[in-house]
Amino acid sequence: MKLTWKKNNNKSSKKRPVPTTSNLRNLPFDFDQQQNQGQPSPTTTSTNTNTQLNEELASLDSSDSSNTKQLALSFQAQGDKLAEDGKYREALGKWEAALTLIPENAVLHEQKAQVLLEIGDSWNALKAATRAAELEPSWAEAWITLGRAQLNFGEPDSAIESFDKALAIKGAKT
């Protein structure tokens, strides 16, 4: 079956211009508009503005680390609730947002791997579980999830090794 689209030969239909939605000034892509309006270009502004901006960003980075962690934990909790309700894709979205903020969280990677296994995405589950085991090599649950992901991906020998590591860790803790 061949699909064809009708060509619009109507020359009188003109597209209307998209209005500018940004109220920010001194953006590099506003250079032409600024010259037309008589404003100085971004290249002629003083370097003090850039220095002040960098100092503000540095202070935000240091003062917002606790806020960032709280936000990430909030995303994680929302994802946990969604996963419990069976809304796996929505949970993945929340956990991805949390991982963007705190990428070194092994629990998030492990939870992500479990949900990916649940929805049948073995390859991404394998990647997430591997990352969790790399971040927390002494956490047996990460190795169990990695073994499950390897088994689902079709790597039974690797899965057995991962399960053995999990058993060794659990045996050492009892």
N, C-alpha and C. Protein backbone atom coordinates (compact mmCIF):
# COMPACT_ATOMS: atom_id res chain seq x y z
N MET A 1 0.85 -1.18 0.00
CA MET A 1 0.00 0.00 0.00
C MET A 1 0.89 1.23 0.00
N LYS A 2 0.62 2.12 -0.90
CA LYS A 2 1.43 3.33 -1.03
C LYS A 2 0.66 4.50 -0.44
N LEU A 3 1.33 5.24 0.43
CA LEU A 3 0.72 6.41 1.03
C LEU A 3 1.18 7.66 0.30
N THR A 4 0.25 8.53 0.02
CA THR A 4 0.60 9.80 -0.61
C THR A 4 -0.05 10.93 0.16
N TRP A 5 0.59 12.06 0.13
CA TRP A 5 0.06 13.25 0.77
C TRP A 5 -0.35 14.25 -0.31
N LYS A 6 -1.42 14.92 -0.03
CA LYS A 6 -1.87 15.94 -0.97
C LYS A 6 -0.99 17.16 -0.84
N LYS A 7 -0.59 17.68 -1.97
CA LYS A 7 0.20 18.91 -1.96
C LYS A 7 -0.75 20.08 -1.86
N ASN A 8 -0.39 21.03 -1.03
CA ASN A 8 -1.20 22.22 -0.86
C ASN A 8 -0.74 23.24 -1.89
N ASN A 9 -1.51 23.38 -2.95
CA ASN A 9 -1.16 24.32 -4.01
C ASN A 9 -1.76 25.70 -3.77
N ASN A 10 -2.38 25.90 -2.65
CA ASN A 10 -3.02 27.17 -2.34
C ASN A 10 -1.94 28.18 -1.94
N LYS A 11 -1.61 29.09 -2.83
CA LYS A 11 -0.54 30.06 -2.59
C LYS A 11 -0.97 31.17 -1.64
N SER A 12 -2.25 31.32 -1.41
CA SER A 12 -2.72 32.42 -0.57
C SER A 12 -2.58 32.11 0.92
N SER A 13 -2.32 30.86 1.28
CA SER A 13 -2.20 30.55 2.71
C SER A 13 -0.79 30.91 3.18
N LYS A 14 -0.76 31.87 4.04
CA LYS A 14 0.52 32.32 4.57
C LYS A 14 0.61 31.89 6.03
N LYS A 15 1.79 31.52 6.41
CA LYS A 15 1.99 31.16 7.81
C LYS A 15 2.16 32.42 8.62
N ARG A 16 1.59 32.42 9.78
CA ARG A 16 1.75 33.59 10.63
C ARG A 16 3.03 33.44 11.45
N PRO A 17 3.68 34.52 11.77
CA PRO A 17 4.94 34.44 12.50
C PRO A 17 4.69 34.01 13.94
N VAL A 18 5.66 33.29 14.50
CA VAL A 18 5.59 32.84 15.88
C VAL A 18 6.08 33.99 16.76
N PRO A 19 5.27 34.38 17.75
CA PRO A 19 5.70 35.48 18.62
C PRO A 19 6.84 35.06 19.54
N THR A 20 7.67 36.01 19.91
CA THR A 20 8.76 35.75 20.82
C THR A 20 8.20 35.53 22.21
N THR A 21 8.63 34.44 22.85
CA THR A 21 8.10 34.12 24.18
C THR A 21 9.09 34.45 25.28
N SER A 22 10.30 34.80 24.95
CA SER A 22 11.32 35.06 25.96
C SER A 22 11.40 36.55 26.29
N ASN A 23 11.48 36.83 27.56
CA ASN A 23 11.67 38.21 28.01
C ASN A 23 13.11 38.44 28.44
N LEU A 24 13.97 37.46 28.27
CA LEU A 24 15.36 37.57 28.67
C LEU A 24 16.12 38.42 27.66
N ARG A 25 17.01 39.22 28.14
CA ARG A 25 17.83 40.07 27.28
C ARG A 25 19.27 39.57 27.31
N ASN A 26 20.05 40.06 26.38
CA ASN A 26 21.48 39.77 26.28
C ASN A 26 21.75 38.30 26.02
N LEU A 27 20.88 37.65 25.30
CA LEU A 27 21.14 36.29 24.89
C LEU A 27 21.88 36.33 23.57
N PRO A 28 22.78 35.38 23.34
CA PRO A 28 23.60 35.43 22.12
C PRO A 28 22.77 35.40 20.84
N PHE A 29 21.64 34.73 20.84
CA PHE A 29 20.85 34.63 19.63
C PHE A 29 19.96 35.84 19.42
N ASP A 30 19.94 36.78 20.38
CA ASP A 30 19.18 38.01 20.24
C ASP A 30 20.05 39.14 19.67
N PHE A 31 21.24 38.84 19.20
CA PHE A 31 22.20 39.83 18.77
C PHE A 31 21.64 40.73 17.66
N ASP A 32 21.02 40.11 16.65
CA ASP A 32 20.50 40.90 15.54
C ASP A 32 19.36 41.80 15.99
N GLN A 33 18.51 41.29 16.83
CA GLN A 33 17.38 42.08 17.32
C GLN A 33 17.86 43.24 18.17
N GLN A 34 18.91 43.01 18.96
CA GLN A 34 19.41 44.07 19.84
C GLN A 34 20.03 45.19 19.03
N GLN A 35 20.72 44.85 17.97
CA GLN A 35 21.32 45.90 17.15
C GLN A 35 20.23 46.74 16.50
N ASN A 36 19.16 46.08 16.11
CA ASN A 36 18.06 46.81 15.49
C ASN A 36 17.38 47.72 16.50
N GLN A 37 17.40 47.35 17.77
CA GLN A 37 16.75 48.14 18.79
C GLN A 37 17.70 49.15 19.43
N GLY A 38 18.93 49.17 19.02
CA GLY A 38 19.89 50.13 19.56
C GLY A 38 20.52 49.70 20.87
N GLN A 39 20.34 48.42 21.27
CA GLN A 39 20.94 47.93 22.50
C GLN A 39 22.34 47.43 22.20
N PRO A 40 23.21 47.44 23.21
CA PRO A 40 24.56 46.92 22.98
C PRO A 40 24.53 45.41 22.77
N SER A 41 25.45 44.93 21.98
CA SER A 41 25.52 43.50 21.73
C SER A 41 26.12 42.80 22.94
N PRO A 42 25.89 41.48 23.08
CA PRO A 42 26.43 40.75 24.21
C PRO A 42 27.95 40.78 24.26
N THR A 43 28.61 40.94 23.10
CA THR A 43 30.06 40.93 23.10
C THR A 43 30.63 42.24 23.63
N THR A 44 29.83 43.30 23.64
CA THR A 44 30.34 44.58 24.12
C THR A 44 29.99 44.84 25.58
N THR A 45 29.25 43.93 26.21
CA THR A 45 28.95 44.12 27.62
C THR A 45 30.20 43.88 28.43
N SER A 46 30.25 44.44 29.61
CA SER A 46 31.46 44.32 30.42
C SER A 46 31.64 42.91 30.93
N THR A 47 32.86 42.56 31.22
CA THR A 47 33.15 41.23 31.75
C THR A 47 32.73 41.13 33.20
N ASN A 48 32.43 42.26 33.83
CA ASN A 48 31.95 42.22 35.21
C ASN A 48 30.64 41.45 35.31
N THR A 49 29.79 41.58 34.32
CA THR A 49 28.52 40.88 34.33
C THR A 49 28.76 39.37 34.31
N ASN A 50 29.68 38.92 33.47
CA ASN A 50 30.00 37.50 33.41
C ASN A 50 30.63 37.02 34.71
N THR A 51 31.48 37.82 35.30
CA THR A 51 32.11 37.45 36.55
C THR A 51 31.07 37.33 37.66
N GLN A 52 30.15 38.28 37.71
CA GLN A 52 29.09 38.23 38.71
C GLN A 52 28.21 37.00 38.51
N LEU A 53 27.91 36.68 37.28
CA LEU A 53 27.09 35.52 36.99
C LEU A 53 27.79 34.24 37.44
N ASN A 54 29.08 34.13 37.14
CA ASN A 54 29.84 32.95 37.55
C ASN A 54 29.88 32.82 39.07
N GLU A 55 30.05 33.95 39.77
CA GLU A 55 30.08 33.92 41.23
C GLU A 55 28.72 33.48 41.78
N GLU A 56 27.64 33.97 41.17
CA GLU A 56 26.30 33.58 41.63
C GLU A 56 26.06 32.09 41.40
N LEU A 57 26.50 31.59 40.25
CA LEU A 57 26.32 30.17 39.97
C LEU A 57 27.13 29.31 40.94
N ALA A 58 28.34 29.74 41.26
CA ALA A 58 29.16 29.00 42.22
C ALA A 58 28.52 28.97 43.59
N SER A 59 27.96 30.10 44.01
CA SER A 59 27.32 30.14 45.32
C SER A 59 26.06 29.29 45.33
N LEU A 60 25.34 29.26 44.21
CA LEU A 60 24.15 28.41 44.13
C LEU A 60 24.53 26.94 44.20
N ASP A 61 25.61 26.58 43.51
CA ASP A 61 26.04 25.19 43.53
C ASP A 61 26.36 24.72 44.94
N SER A 62 27.03 25.54 45.71
CA SER A 62 27.42 25.12 47.05
C SER A 62 26.26 25.17 48.03
N SER A 63 25.37 26.14 47.90
CA SER A 63 24.28 26.27 48.86
C SER A 63 23.11 25.36 48.54
N ASP A 64 22.99 24.92 47.31
CA ASP A 64 21.83 24.14 46.93
C ASP A 64 22.08 22.63 46.94
N SER A 65 23.24 22.19 47.43
CA SER A 65 23.51 20.76 47.42
C SER A 65 22.52 20.00 48.29
N SER A 66 22.15 20.57 49.44
CA SER A 66 21.17 19.89 50.29
C SER A 66 19.78 19.95 49.65
N ASN A 67 19.46 21.07 49.01
CA ASN A 67 18.18 21.18 48.31
C ASN A 67 18.09 20.21 47.15
N THR A 68 19.20 20.02 46.45
CA THR A 68 19.25 19.09 45.33
C THR A 68 18.99 17.68 45.83
N LYS A 69 19.63 17.32 46.93
CA LYS A 69 19.44 15.98 47.48
C LYS A 69 18.00 15.78 47.94
N GLN A 70 17.43 16.80 48.57
CA GLN A 70 16.03 16.70 49.01
C GLN A 70 15.10 16.53 47.81
N LEU A 71 15.36 17.27 46.75
CA LEU A 71 14.54 17.16 45.55
C LEU A 71 14.67 15.77 44.94
N ALA A 72 15.89 15.25 44.89
CA ALA A 72 16.12 13.91 44.35
C ALA A 72 15.41 12.86 45.20
N LEU A 73 15.45 13.00 46.51
CA LEU A 73 14.76 12.06 47.39
C LEU A 73 13.25 12.15 47.21
N SER A 74 12.77 13.35 46.94
CA SER A 74 11.35 13.53 46.66
C SER A 74 10.95 12.81 45.37
N PHE A 75 11.77 12.96 44.33
CA PHE A 75 11.52 12.25 43.08
C PHE A 75 11.56 10.74 43.30
N GLN A 76 12.51 10.29 44.11
CA GLN A 76 12.63 8.86 44.39
C GLN A 76 11.38 8.35 45.10
N ALA A 77 10.91 9.08 46.09
CA ALA A 77 9.71 8.66 46.82
C ALA A 77 8.48 8.63 45.91
N GLN A 78 8.37 9.62 45.03
CA GLN A 78 7.25 9.64 44.08
C GLN A 78 7.34 8.43 43.15
N GLY A 79 8.55 8.12 42.69
CA GLY A 79 8.76 6.96 41.83
C GLY A 79 8.43 5.66 42.54
N ASP A 80 8.80 5.57 43.82
CA ASP A 80 8.48 4.38 44.61
C ASP A 80 6.98 4.16 44.68
N LYS A 81 6.25 5.23 44.94
CA LYS A 81 4.80 5.15 45.05
C LYS A 81 4.18 4.73 43.71
N LEU A 82 4.66 5.33 42.63
CA LEU A 82 4.15 4.98 41.30
C LEU A 82 4.43 3.52 40.96
N ALA A 83 5.61 3.03 41.32
CA ALA A 83 5.96 1.64 41.04
C ALA A 83 5.08 0.69 41.85
N GLU A 84 4.80 1.06 43.10
CA GLU A 84 3.91 0.24 43.93
C GLU A 84 2.51 0.17 43.33
N ASP A 85 2.09 1.25 42.68
CA ASP A 85 0.77 1.30 42.05
C ASP A 85 0.76 0.66 40.66
N GLY A 86 1.92 0.15 40.22
CA GLY A 86 2.00 -0.50 38.91
C GLY A 86 2.21 0.45 37.75
N LYS A 87 2.49 1.70 38.03
CA LYS A 87 2.72 2.69 36.97
C LYS A 87 4.23 2.78 36.72
N TYR A 88 4.74 1.76 36.03
CA TYR A 88 6.18 1.60 35.91
C TYR A 88 6.85 2.67 35.06
N ARG A 89 6.23 3.03 33.97
CA ARG A 89 6.84 4.04 33.09
C ARG A 89 6.92 5.40 33.79
N GLU A 90 5.88 5.76 34.53
CA GLU A 90 5.88 7.02 35.27
C GLU A 90 6.94 6.97 36.37
N ALA A 91 7.07 5.81 37.01
CA ALA A 91 8.09 5.64 38.05
C ALA A 91 9.48 5.82 37.46
N LEU A 92 9.69 5.25 36.28
CA LEU A 92 10.99 5.41 35.61
C LEU A 92 11.30 6.87 35.36
N GLY A 93 10.30 7.63 34.97
CA GLY A 93 10.51 9.06 34.73
C GLY A 93 10.95 9.79 35.99
N LYS A 94 10.32 9.48 37.11
CA LYS A 94 10.70 10.11 38.38
C LYS A 94 12.10 9.70 38.79
N TRP A 95 12.41 8.41 38.63
CA TRP A 95 13.74 7.95 39.02
C TRP A 95 14.82 8.50 38.10
N GLU A 96 14.51 8.68 36.83
CA GLU A 96 15.47 9.30 35.91
C GLU A 96 15.76 10.73 36.34
N ALA A 97 14.72 11.44 36.77
CA ALA A 97 14.91 12.82 37.25
C ALA A 97 15.79 12.81 38.49
N ALA A 98 15.56 11.87 39.39
CA ALA A 98 16.37 11.77 40.60
C ALA A 98 17.82 11.40 40.25
N LEU A 99 17.99 10.51 39.30
CA LEU A 99 19.35 10.12 38.90
C LEU A 99 20.10 11.26 38.21
N THR A 100 19.37 12.15 37.60
CA THR A 100 20.01 13.32 37.01
C THR A 100 20.62 14.19 38.10
N LEU A 101 19.92 14.25 39.23
CA LEU A 101 20.40 15.08 40.34
C LEU A 101 21.46 14.38 41.17
N ILE A 102 21.29 13.08 41.43
CA ILE A 102 22.28 12.32 42.19
C ILE A 102 22.58 11.01 41.46
N PRO A 103 23.48 11.06 40.48
CA PRO A 103 23.73 9.90 39.62
C PRO A 103 24.47 8.75 40.32
N GLU A 104 25.02 8.99 41.50
CA GLU A 104 25.78 7.95 42.18
C GLU A 104 24.96 7.18 43.19
N ASN A 105 23.64 7.15 43.05
CA ASN A 105 22.75 6.48 43.98
C ASN A 105 22.48 5.06 43.49
N ALA A 106 23.09 4.08 44.16
CA ALA A 106 22.96 2.69 43.74
C ALA A 106 21.54 2.17 43.89
N VAL A 107 20.83 2.62 44.91
CA VAL A 107 19.46 2.16 45.13
C VAL A 107 18.57 2.54 43.95
N LEU A 108 18.72 3.76 43.47
CA LEU A 108 17.92 4.20 42.32
C LEU A 108 18.22 3.37 41.08
N HIS A 109 19.49 3.08 40.85
CA HIS A 109 19.86 2.26 39.69
C HIS A 109 19.27 0.86 39.82
N GLU A 110 19.30 0.32 41.04
CA GLU A 110 18.78 -1.03 41.26
C GLU A 110 17.26 -1.06 41.08
N GLN A 111 16.57 -0.06 41.62
CA GLN A 111 15.12 0.00 41.45
C GLN A 111 14.75 0.17 39.98
N LYS A 112 15.50 1.00 39.30
CA LYS A 112 15.28 1.21 37.87
C LYS A 112 15.43 -0.12 37.12
N ALA A 113 16.45 -0.89 37.47
CA ALA A 113 16.69 -2.18 36.83
C ALA A 113 15.52 -3.14 37.07
N GLN A 114 14.99 -3.16 38.29
CA GLN A 114 13.87 -4.05 38.60
C GLN A 114 12.64 -3.69 37.76
N VAL A 115 12.35 -2.41 37.66
CA VAL A 115 11.18 -1.98 36.88
C VAL A 115 11.40 -2.25 35.39
N LEU A 116 12.61 -2.03 34.91
CA LEU A 116 12.89 -2.33 33.51
C LEU A 116 12.73 -3.82 33.22
N LEU A 117 13.12 -4.66 34.17
CA LEU A 117 12.89 -6.09 34.01
C LEU A 117 11.39 -6.39 33.96
N GLU A 118 10.65 -5.69 34.79
CA GLU A 118 9.20 -5.91 34.86
C GLU A 118 8.52 -5.55 33.54
N ILE A 119 9.00 -4.52 32.86
CA ILE A 119 8.36 -4.12 31.59
C ILE A 119 9.02 -4.79 30.38
N GLY A 120 10.04 -5.61 30.63
CA GLY A 120 10.63 -6.41 29.56
C GLY A 120 11.80 -5.77 28.83
N ASP A 121 12.40 -4.74 29.38
CA ASP A 121 13.54 -4.08 28.75
C ASP A 121 14.83 -4.63 29.37
N SER A 122 15.22 -5.81 28.93
CA SER A 122 16.35 -6.51 29.54
C SER A 122 17.68 -5.79 29.38
N TRP A 123 17.91 -5.21 28.22
CA TRP A 123 19.20 -4.55 27.97
C TRP A 123 19.40 -3.36 28.90
N ASN A 124 18.42 -2.48 29.00
CA ASN A 124 18.56 -1.33 29.89
C ASN A 124 18.55 -1.75 31.36
N ALA A 125 17.83 -2.82 31.67
CA ALA A 125 17.86 -3.35 33.03
C ALA A 125 19.26 -3.85 33.37
N LEU A 126 19.88 -4.50 32.42
CA LEU A 126 21.25 -4.99 32.61
C LEU A 126 22.22 -3.83 32.85
N LYS A 127 22.07 -2.76 32.09
CA LYS A 127 22.94 -1.59 32.27
C LYS A 127 22.73 -0.96 33.65
N ALA A 128 21.47 -0.80 34.06
CA ALA A 128 21.17 -0.17 35.35
C ALA A 128 21.64 -1.05 36.51
N ALA A 129 21.42 -2.35 36.41
CA ALA A 129 21.85 -3.25 37.47
C ALA A 129 23.38 -3.31 37.57
N THR A 130 24.04 -3.28 36.44
CA THR A 130 25.51 -3.26 36.44
C THR A 130 26.02 -2.01 37.14
N ARG A 131 25.39 -0.89 36.86
CA ARG A 131 25.80 0.38 37.50
C ARG A 131 25.58 0.31 39.01
N ALA A 132 24.46 -0.28 39.44
CA ALA A 132 24.19 -0.40 40.87
C ALA A 132 25.25 -1.26 41.55
N ALA A 133 25.61 -2.38 40.91
CA ALA A 133 26.64 -3.26 41.49
C ALA A 133 28.01 -2.59 41.49
N GLU A 134 28.29 -1.76 40.49
CA GLU A 134 29.56 -1.02 40.47
C GLU A 134 29.62 0.00 41.60
N LEU A 135 28.49 0.67 41.86
CA LEU A 135 28.47 1.71 42.89
C LEU A 135 28.52 1.13 44.30
N GLU A 136 27.85 0.00 44.51
CA GLU A 136 27.81 -0.64 45.84
C GLU A 136 28.16 -2.12 45.70
N PRO A 137 29.44 -2.43 45.54
CA PRO A 137 29.81 -3.83 45.32
C PRO A 137 29.56 -4.73 46.54
N SER A 138 29.34 -4.16 47.70
CA SER A 138 29.08 -4.97 48.89
C SER A 138 27.59 -5.09 49.20
N TRP A 139 26.73 -4.69 48.28
CA TRP A 139 25.29 -4.75 48.47
C TRP A 139 24.75 -5.95 47.70
N ALA A 140 24.31 -6.96 48.42
CA ALA A 140 23.87 -8.23 47.82
C ALA A 140 22.67 -8.04 46.89
N GLU A 141 21.75 -7.14 47.25
CA GLU A 141 20.55 -6.94 46.43
C GLU A 141 20.91 -6.46 45.02
N ALA A 142 21.95 -5.66 44.91
CA ALA A 142 22.39 -5.19 43.59
C ALA A 142 22.87 -6.36 42.75
N TRP A 143 23.59 -7.29 43.37
CA TRP A 143 24.09 -8.45 42.63
C TRP A 143 22.95 -9.40 42.25
N ILE A 144 21.94 -9.51 43.11
CA ILE A 144 20.79 -10.35 42.79
C ILE A 144 20.05 -9.78 41.58
N THR A 145 19.82 -8.47 41.60
CA THR A 145 19.14 -7.82 40.48
C THR A 145 19.97 -7.94 39.20
N LEU A 146 21.29 -7.80 39.34
CA LEU A 146 22.16 -7.96 38.17
C LEU A 146 22.05 -9.38 37.63
N GLY A 147 22.02 -10.37 38.52
CA GLY A 147 21.87 -11.75 38.08
C GLY A 147 20.55 -11.98 37.35
N ARG A 148 19.48 -11.41 37.87
CA ARG A 148 18.17 -11.53 37.20
C ARG A 148 18.22 -10.89 35.82
N ALA A 149 18.85 -9.71 35.73
CA ALA A 149 18.94 -9.02 34.44
C ALA A 149 19.78 -9.83 33.45
N GLN A 150 20.87 -10.40 33.93
CA GLN A 150 21.72 -11.21 33.06
C GLN A 150 20.98 -12.46 32.59
N LEU A 151 20.21 -13.05 33.48
CA LEU A 151 19.44 -14.23 33.12
C LEU A 151 18.39 -13.89 32.06
N ASN A 152 17.69 -12.78 32.26
CA ASN A 152 16.67 -12.35 31.28
C ASN A 152 17.30 -11.96 29.95
N PHE A 153 18.52 -11.47 29.99
CA PHE A 153 19.20 -11.06 28.75
C PHE A 153 19.80 -12.25 28.01
N GLY A 154 19.84 -13.40 28.68
CA GLY A 154 20.37 -14.60 28.03
C GLY A 154 21.82 -14.87 28.35
N GLU A 155 22.26 -14.47 29.50
CA GLU A 155 23.63 -14.72 29.94
C GLU A 155 23.62 -15.52 31.24
N PRO A 156 23.28 -16.82 31.17
CA PRO A 156 23.15 -17.60 32.40
C PRO A 156 24.46 -17.77 33.17
N ASP A 157 25.59 -17.87 32.47
CA ASP A 157 26.86 -18.04 33.17
C ASP A 157 27.20 -16.80 34.00
N SER A 158 26.99 -15.63 33.42
CA SER A 158 27.22 -14.39 34.15
C SER A 158 26.24 -14.25 35.31
N ALA A 159 25.02 -14.70 35.10
CA ALA A 159 24.00 -14.63 36.15
C ALA A 159 24.41 -15.49 37.34
N ILE A 160 24.94 -16.67 37.08
CA ILE A 160 25.38 -17.56 38.17
C ILE A 160 26.49 -16.90 38.97
N GLU A 161 27.43 -16.24 38.27
CA GLU A 161 28.51 -15.53 38.97
C GLU A 161 27.96 -14.42 39.85
N SER A 162 26.99 -13.69 39.35
CA SER A 162 26.39 -12.60 40.13
C SER A 162 25.64 -13.15 41.35
N PHE A 163 24.90 -14.23 41.15
CA PHE A 163 24.19 -14.83 42.28
C PHE A 163 25.17 -15.37 43.32
N ASP A 164 26.31 -15.93 42.85
CA ASP A 164 27.33 -16.41 43.78
C ASP A 164 27.92 -15.26 44.60
N LYS A 165 28.14 -14.11 43.96
CA LYS A 165 28.65 -12.95 44.69
C LYS A 165 27.64 -12.49 45.73
N ALA A 166 26.36 -12.51 45.38
CA ALA A 166 25.32 -12.11 46.32
C ALA A 166 25.29 -13.06 47.51
N LEU A 167 25.41 -14.37 47.24
CA LEU A 167 25.42 -15.35 48.33
C LEU A 167 26.64 -15.17 49.22
N ALA A 168 27.78 -14.88 48.62
CA ALA A 168 29.00 -14.67 49.40
C ALA A 168 28.85 -13.45 50.31
N ILE A 169 28.24 -12.40 49.80
CA ILE A 169 28.04 -11.18 50.60
C ILE A 169 27.05 -11.45 51.73
N LYS A 170 25.95 -12.13 51.41
CA LYS A 170 24.95 -12.44 52.44
C LYS A 170 25.52 -13.40 53.47
N GLY A 171 26.33 -14.36 53.03
CA GLY A 171 26.94 -15.32 53.95
C GLY A 171 27.93 -14.65 54.90
N ALA A 172 28.64 -13.64 54.39
CA ALA A 172 29.62 -12.93 55.21
C ALA A 172 28.94 -12.05 56.25
N LYS A 173 27.73 -11.61 55.99
CA LYS A 173 27.02 -10.72 56.92
C LYS A 173 26.27 -11.48 58.00
N THR A 174 26.07 -12.81 57.83
CA THR A 174 25.33 -13.57 58.86
C THR A 174 26.23 -14.22 59.85
